[in-house]
Amino acid sequence: MQNAAVTQFFEEAAPFWRNVYDEPDVYVIVHQQRRDAVIATVEELRLAPGTDVLDIGCGAGTISLPLSAVVLN
């Protein structure tokens, strides 16, 4: 039962986080700037390819995917 509740929660929350970067308002601009800052910070670390990275509170993964590209390159 708990797994079903968790799945339902994420199915309901994920569309919000997928769309949060597409709307033209201040809230979105803040999230875009945070995303860009996180990616820039990780790029500056010059992590070795294959380094494990944990994205806590990843929402719909809109930062996780660009982070994986930085770490894989």
Protein backbone atom coordinates (compact mmCIF):
# COMPACT_ATOMS: atom_id res chain seq x y z
CA MET A 1 0.00 0.00 0.00
CA GLN A 2 2.83 2.41 0.81
CA ASN A 3 4.42 1.87 -2.61
CA ALA A 4 1.12 2.77 -4.28
CA ALA A 5 0.89 5.98 -2.25
CA VAL A 6 4.45 6.97 -3.15
CA THR A 7 3.86 6.20 -6.81
CA GLN A 8 0.65 8.23 -6.82
CA PHE A 9 2.38 11.17 -5.15
CA PHE A 10 5.16 11.27 -7.74
CA GLU A 11 2.76 10.80 -10.64
CA GLU A 12 0.83 13.83 -9.40
CA ALA A 13 3.90 15.96 -8.61
CA ALA A 14 6.11 15.17 -11.62
CA PRO A 15 4.12 17.17 -14.21
CA PHE A 16 4.53 20.30 -12.10
CA TRP A 17 8.32 19.93 -12.08
CA ARG A 18 8.45 19.05 -15.79
CA ASN A 19 6.51 22.23 -16.60
CA VAL A 20 8.12 24.56 -14.04
CA TYR A 21 10.91 25.41 -16.47
CA ASP A 22 8.55 26.28 -19.34
CA GLU A 23 6.29 28.96 -17.88
CA PRO A 24 7.27 32.65 -18.31
CA ASP A 25 7.14 33.98 -14.74
CA VAL A 26 9.45 34.92 -11.87
CA TYR A 27 9.07 31.55 -10.12
CA VAL A 28 10.32 29.82 -13.24
CA ILE A 29 13.21 32.24 -13.68
CA VAL A 30 14.36 31.47 -10.13
CA HIS A 31 14.29 27.73 -10.85
CA GLN A 32 16.10 28.21 -14.16
CA GLN A 33 18.83 30.22 -12.45
CA ARG A 34 19.18 27.56 -9.72
CA ARG A 35 19.45 24.84 -12.36
CA ASP A 36 22.07 26.79 -14.29
CA ALA A 37 24.05 27.51 -11.09
CA VAL A 38 24.06 23.84 -10.08
CA ILE A 39 25.23 22.71 -13.49
CA ALA A 40 27.93 25.42 -13.62
CA THR A 41 29.15 24.45 -10.15
CA VAL A 42 29.42 20.79 -11.09
CA GLU A 43 31.25 21.71 -14.31
CA GLU A 44 33.74 23.77 -12.28
CA LEU A 45 34.45 20.76 -10.06
CA ARG A 46 35.83 18.92 -13.09
CA LEU A 47 34.78 15.57 -11.70
CA ALA A 48 36.32 12.49 -13.21
CA PRO A 49 34.11 10.69 -15.73
CA GLY A 50 31.90 8.16 -13.99
CA THR A 51 31.90 10.00 -10.65
CA ASP A 52 28.77 9.24 -8.64
CA VAL A 53 26.49 12.25 -8.20
CA LEU A 54 23.34 12.32 -6.06
CA ASP A 55 20.58 14.77 -6.93
CA ILE A 56 18.46 14.98 -3.77
CA GLY A 57 14.96 16.29 -4.32
CA CYS A 58 15.29 15.90 -8.08
CA GLY A 59 11.62 16.54 -8.92
CA ALA A 60 11.14 15.39 -12.50
CA GLY A 61 14.88 15.10 -13.10
CA THR A 62 15.31 18.29 -15.11
CA ILE A 63 18.64 18.90 -13.38
CA SER A 64 19.60 15.22 -13.08
CA LEU A 65 19.85 14.69 -16.83
CA PRO A 66 22.15 17.67 -17.50
CA LEU A 67 24.22 16.66 -14.46
CA SER A 68 24.68 13.18 -15.86
CA ALA A 69 25.96 14.68 -19.11
CA VAL A 70 28.54 16.76 -17.20
CA VAL A 71 29.77 13.76 -15.23
CA LEU A 72 29.85 11.46 -18.25
CA ASN A 73 31.93 13.84 -20.37
